[in-house]
Protein backbone atom coordinates (compact mmCIF):
# COMPACT_ATOMS: atom_id res chain seq x y z
CA UNK A 1 -18.09 -0.52 35.80
CA UNK A 2 -19.53 -3.98 35.92
CA UNK A 3 -19.54 -6.50 38.47
CA UNK A 4 -19.88 -10.37 38.56
CA UNK A 5 -22.71 -11.51 40.74
CA UNK A 6 -22.56 -15.44 40.86
CA UNK A 7 -25.23 -17.18 42.26
CA UNK A 8 -25.19 -20.93 43.13
CA UNK A 9 -28.19 -23.45 43.11
CA UNK A 10 -29.37 -24.84 46.06
CA UNK A 11 -26.71 -26.87 47.92
CA UNK A 12 -28.05 -30.82 49.13
CA UNK A 13 -25.97 -31.94 51.22
CA UNK A 14 -22.91 -33.27 52.61
CA UNK A 15 -21.73 -34.44 48.76
CA UNK A 16 -23.27 -30.57 47.78
CA UNK A 17 -21.47 -28.89 50.44
CA UNK A 18 -17.77 -30.68 49.90
CA UNK A 19 -17.72 -29.85 46.44
CA UNK A 20 -19.04 -26.12 47.66
CA UNK A 21 -16.56 -26.35 49.82
CA UNK A 22 -13.58 -27.78 47.43
CA UNK A 23 -13.96 -25.35 43.97
CA UNK A 24 -16.24 -22.35 44.49
CA UNK A 25 -13.31 -20.52 45.43
CA UNK A 26 -11.53 -21.69 41.92
CA UNK A 27 -14.87 -20.68 39.82
CA UNK A 28 -15.14 -17.33 41.58
CA UNK A 29 -11.06 -16.75 40.45
CA UNK A 30 -11.75 -17.26 36.86
CA UNK A 31 -14.95 -15.71 36.64
CA UNK A 32 -13.66 -12.81 38.33
CA UNK A 33 -16.56 -13.03 40.65
CA UNK A 34 -17.11 -9.50 42.90
CA UNK A 35 -20.00 -11.41 45.10
CA UNK A 36 -21.51 -14.89 45.52
CA UNK A 37 -25.19 -15.90 46.30
CA UNK A 38 -25.78 -19.54 47.60
CA UNK A 39 -29.01 -21.35 48.01
CA UNK A 40 -28.17 -23.41 51.27
CA UNK A 41 -31.72 -24.24 52.64
CA UNK A 42 -30.95 -28.40 51.40
CA UNK A 43 -27.18 -28.85 53.07
CA UNK A 44 -28.22 -30.90 55.78
CA UNK A 45 -30.41 -32.69 52.96
CA UNK A 46 -33.68 -30.82 54.40
CA UNK A 47 -33.09 -27.35 56.19
CA UNK A 48 -29.96 -26.33 57.29
CA UNK A 49 -27.69 -26.36 60.77
CA UNK A 50 -25.79 -23.53 61.45
CA UNK A 51 -22.63 -25.34 61.16
CA UNK A 52 -23.26 -25.83 57.71
CA UNK A 53 -24.37 -22.09 57.09
CA UNK A 54 -21.06 -21.38 58.45
CA UNK A 55 -18.79 -24.13 56.28
CA UNK A 56 -20.79 -22.03 53.26
CA UNK A 57 -20.01 -18.38 54.00
CA UNK A 58 -15.84 -19.99 54.51
CA UNK A 59 -16.28 -21.40 51.00
CA UNK A 60 -16.55 -17.92 49.55
CA UNK A 61 -20.52 -17.14 49.89
CA UNK A 62 -21.47 -13.91 50.46
CA UNK A 63 -24.86 -14.41 51.37
CA UNK A 64 -26.55 -17.01 51.75
CA UNK A 65 -30.75 -17.73 51.04
CA UNK A 66 -32.94 -20.36 52.43
CA UNK A 67 -36.55 -21.41 51.70
CA UNK A 68 -39.20 -24.01 52.25
CA UNK A 69 -37.04 -26.03 54.89
CA UNK A 70 -35.54 -22.71 56.42
CA UNK A 71 -37.53 -24.26 59.37
CA UNK A 72 -36.48 -28.12 59.27
CA UNK A 73 -33.77 -27.82 61.51
CA UNK A 74 -34.69 -26.29 64.70
CA UNK A 75 -31.34 -24.89 65.44
CA UNK A 76 -31.17 -22.53 62.71
CA UNK A 77 -33.41 -20.11 64.64
CA UNK A 78 -31.18 -18.20 67.02
CA UNK A 79 -27.91 -18.49 64.19
CA UNK A 80 -30.67 -16.56 61.50
CA UNK A 81 -31.12 -13.52 64.44
CA UNK A 82 -27.73 -13.30 64.97
CA UNK A 83 -25.99 -13.92 61.48
CA UNK A 84 -27.24 -11.22 59.04
CA UNK A 85 -25.64 -13.23 55.73
CA UNK A 86 -28.40 -16.07 56.01
CA UNK A 87 -31.53 -14.97 54.38
CA UNK A 88 -35.16 -16.76 55.07
CA UNK A 89 -37.61 -15.89 52.86
CA UNK A 90 -39.21 -12.32 53.67
CA UNK A 91 -42.51 -13.32 53.09
CA UNK A 92 -42.44 -15.39 56.40
CA UNK A 93 -44.64 -13.69 59.09
CA UNK A 94 -42.72 -11.07 61.00
CA UNK A 95 -43.07 -12.91 64.31
CA UNK A 96 -40.12 -15.59 62.47
CA UNK A 97 -36.72 -15.22 63.20
CA UNK A 98 -34.24 -13.90 61.38
CA UNK A 99 -34.57 -11.46 58.40
CA UNK A 100 -35.58 -11.38 54.28
CA UNK A 101 -33.50 -9.24 52.86
CA UNK A 102 -30.24 -6.58 53.38
CA UNK A 103 -27.45 -4.55 52.10
CA UNK A 104 -24.44 -5.50 51.45
CA UNK A 105 -20.90 -4.15 50.37
CA UNK A 106 -19.70 -4.89 47.40
CA UNK A 107 -16.77 -3.70 45.50
CA UNK A 108 -16.00 0.15 44.93
CA UNK A 109 -18.40 0.45 48.10
CA UNK A 110 -21.47 -0.53 45.69
CA UNK A 111 -24.74 -1.53 48.21
CA UNK A 112 -25.90 -4.41 46.90
CA UNK A 113 -29.10 -5.64 48.32
CA UNK A 114 -30.32 -9.49 48.45
CA UNK A 115 -34.08 -10.22 49.04
CA UNK A 116 -34.77 -13.92 49.33
CA UNK A 117 -38.61 -14.82 48.93
CA UNK A 118 -40.74 -17.76 48.60
CA UNK A 119 -43.50 -19.06 45.88
CA UNK A 120 -47.03 -19.25 46.75
CA UNK A 121 -48.46 -21.35 44.47
CA UNK A 122 -48.07 -25.04 45.10
CA UNK A 123 -45.54 -24.01 47.61
CA UNK A 124 -46.39 -22.50 50.66
CA UNK A 125 -50.02 -20.63 50.62
CA UNK A 126 -49.45 -19.70 53.65
CA UNK A 127 -46.52 -17.01 53.19
CA UNK A 128 -47.01 -13.33 52.57
CA UNK A 129 -48.11 -12.17 48.72
CA UNK A 130 -44.34 -12.35 46.92
CA UNK A 131 -45.25 -9.65 44.76
CA UNK A 132 -46.25 -7.07 47.44
CA UNK A 133 -43.22 -7.97 49.66
CA UNK A 134 -40.96 -7.33 46.96
CA UNK A 135 -42.56 -3.69 45.91
CA UNK A 136 -42.15 -3.23 49.96
CA UNK A 137 -38.69 -4.87 50.10
CA UNK A 138 -37.26 -2.25 47.31
CA UNK A 139 -38.83 0.68 48.85
CA UNK A 140 -37.41 -0.06 52.26
CA UNK A 141 -34.09 -0.84 51.24
CA UNK A 142 -31.16 2.08 50.54
CA UNK A 143 -29.30 0.12 47.83
CA UNK A 144 -27.11 0.85 44.42
CA UNK A 145 -28.51 -2.56 43.19
CA UNK A 146 -30.45 -5.84 43.56
CA UNK A 147 -30.75 -8.99 43.51
CA UNK A 148 -33.99 -11.48 44.39
CA UNK A 149 -33.98 -15.47 45.09
CA UNK A 150 -37.45 -15.87 44.23
CA UNK A 151 -37.38 -19.61 46.13
CA UNK A 152 -40.55 -21.33 43.64
CA UNK A 153 -42.20 -23.93 42.80
CA UNK A 154 -44.31 -22.87 39.58
CA UNK A 155 -42.29 -21.62 36.73
CA UNK A 156 -45.02 -19.48 35.58
CA UNK A 157 -44.85 -17.58 39.37
CA UNK A 158 -41.02 -17.14 38.89
CA UNK A 159 -41.29 -16.12 35.33
CA UNK A 160 -43.82 -13.23 36.43
CA UNK A 161 -42.19 -12.18 39.35
CA UNK A 162 -38.96 -11.01 36.85
CA UNK A 163 -41.20 -9.49 34.25
CA UNK A 164 -42.79 -7.84 37.36
CA UNK A 165 -39.09 -6.79 38.73
CA UNK A 166 -37.65 -5.66 35.40
CA UNK A 167 -36.24 -2.64 35.30
CA UNK A 168 -36.50 -2.17 39.23
CA UNK A 169 -34.12 -4.90 39.92
CA UNK A 170 -30.54 -6.18 38.77
CA UNK A 171 -31.34 -9.61 38.55
CA UNK A 172 -34.01 -12.15 39.71
CA UNK A 173 -33.36 -16.39 39.48
CA UNK A 174 -35.36 -18.74 40.79
CA UNK A 175 -34.05 -21.33 43.26
CA UNK A 176 -36.25 -24.33 44.65
CA UNK A 177 -36.55 -26.72 41.52
CA UNK A 178 -33.09 -28.95 41.59
CA UNK A 179 -33.09 -28.43 38.09
CA UNK A 180 -31.65 -26.08 35.91
CA UNK A 181 -32.79 -24.00 33.16
CA UNK A 182 -32.23 -23.16 30.11
CA UNK A 183 -33.51 -19.30 30.05
CA UNK A 184 -30.87 -17.16 30.91
CA UNK A 185 -31.76 -13.66 29.66
CA UNK A 186 -31.95 -9.91 29.96
CA UNK A 187 -35.50 -8.67 29.96
CA UNK A 188 -36.46 -5.56 28.41
CA UNK A 189 -35.38 -2.99 30.38
CA UNK A 190 -32.54 -4.22 32.17
CA UNK A 191 -33.00 -7.14 34.63
CA UNK A 192 -31.20 -10.64 34.49
CA UNK A 193 -33.30 -13.52 34.52
CA UNK A 194 -33.36 -17.33 34.65
CA UNK A 195 -35.81 -19.88 35.92
CA UNK A 196 -34.61 -22.33 37.71
CA UNK A 197 -30.48 -22.13 38.89
CA UNK A 198 -30.43 -25.98 39.16
CA UNK A 199 -28.81 -27.27 42.19
CA UNK A 200 -25.47 -28.25 43.62
CA UNK A 201 -25.71 -31.92 44.93
CA UNK A 202 -25.34 -35.36 43.79
CA UNK A 203 -25.37 -36.07 40.43
CA UNK A 204 -27.20 -39.42 40.46
CA UNK A 205 -29.85 -39.08 41.92
CA UNK A 206 -33.42 -37.57 41.77
CA UNK A 207 -33.15 -34.06 42.89
CA UNK A 208 -30.17 -34.69 44.95
CA UNK A 209 -32.14 -37.48 46.91
CA UNK A 210 -31.75 -41.72 46.07
CA UNK A 211 -33.27 -42.67 43.58
CA UNK A 212 -35.01 -45.14 45.01
CA UNK A 213 -36.34 -43.33 47.42
CA UNK A 214 -38.09 -41.11 44.91
CA UNK A 215 -39.79 -44.31 42.95
CA UNK A 216 -40.71 -45.89 45.90
CA UNK A 217 -43.37 -42.81 46.69
CA UNK A 218 -44.36 -42.78 43.74
CA UNK A 219 -45.20 -46.26 43.89
CA UNK A 220 -46.82 -45.76 46.53
CA UNK A 221 -44.86 -47.53 48.71
CA UNK A 222 -44.55 -46.34 53.24
CA UNK A 223 -42.88 -43.05 53.77
CA UNK A 224 -39.10 -43.25 54.18
CA UNK A 225 -36.76 -40.31 55.29
CA UNK A 226 -35.45 -38.54 52.35
CA UNK A 227 -31.48 -38.73 51.93
CA UNK A 228 -28.91 -37.15 49.66
CA UNK A 229 -27.84 -39.79 46.78
CA UNK A 230 -24.07 -40.79 46.83
CA UNK A 231 -21.30 -40.12 44.60
CA UNK A 232 -20.08 -37.47 42.47
CA UNK A 233 -21.98 -34.41 42.61
CA UNK A 234 -22.43 -31.20 40.00
CA UNK A 235 -22.91 -27.40 41.27
CA UNK A 236 -25.27 -25.10 38.69
CA UNK A 237 -24.55 -21.72 38.90
CA UNK A 238 -25.34 -18.70 36.86
CA UNK A 239 -23.30 -15.74 36.61
CA UNK A 240 -25.02 -11.99 36.21
CA UNK A 241 -22.94 -8.92 34.73
CA UNK A 242 -24.45 -5.56 35.91
CA UNK A 243 -23.03 -2.32 34.33
CA UNK A 244 -23.15 -0.78 37.54
CA UNK A 245 -23.38 3.14 36.34
CA UNK A 246 -26.18 2.30 34.22
CA UNK A 247 -27.97 -0.05 36.86
CA UNK A 248 -28.65 -2.63 34.01
CA UNK A 249 -27.74 -6.04 33.49
CA UNK A 250 -25.83 -7.07 30.46
CA UNK A 251 -25.18 -10.49 30.53
CA UNK A 252 -26.83 -13.84 32.20
CA UNK A 253 -24.27 -17.13 31.35
CA UNK A 254 -24.81 -20.73 32.98
CA UNK A 255 -21.53 -21.68 35.23
CA UNK A 256 -21.95 -25.06 35.61
CA UNK A 257 -19.39 -27.59 36.73
CA UNK A 258 -19.70 -31.42 36.70
CA UNK A 259 -17.08 -33.58 38.48
């Protein structure tokens, strides 16, 4: 038996959320997707509101993962405690609301574990070590298959996590940088890996943001609130094909949409 797991890159702004709502279910049908994980931490531009998280679940996400902007909208805190399908990084302090991993029912009763982690290299040095946290999560969860969203800045840190977990989980992907990478592969011990999914948001932008706002920052202008860019959007995603019986990934492919 094989299952198809779809990992969707960071949803940015209302444009990204609208595209996800309009196109995700058709993509799932086209590719025979059995389970979908969406990174949603930028649905509000910076952070995510409960209504936006619910909209992503309604659009077809089975699990939503977050990242360094988890706490940018204070309203999300209580929602994280109430909604087990929305995960924040597991290596945040245990005093934080919500949970960093969960086990969910997949096709045929398969127990699918999803772990959300945040990197420390040039991103969040106050988080616990994500490598140690991943090991603890694997010891504690009772799952048939495990997928990991590693929200990290450095490609080296994401690559190291993939190799560290090779043969211990079935899929590892990176999020956060909003730029899709071309290194989809199955590692030697059977873990599917890609350095970064990319994003679901405005195409004519700098990482989803109005270009002039990013240019202003690099020219040394006064800080301005980032706003999502207008115009057409794209959806970046990667499909992992997993052999359930042997607990290995057998295929990794990009399935991007541009409008």
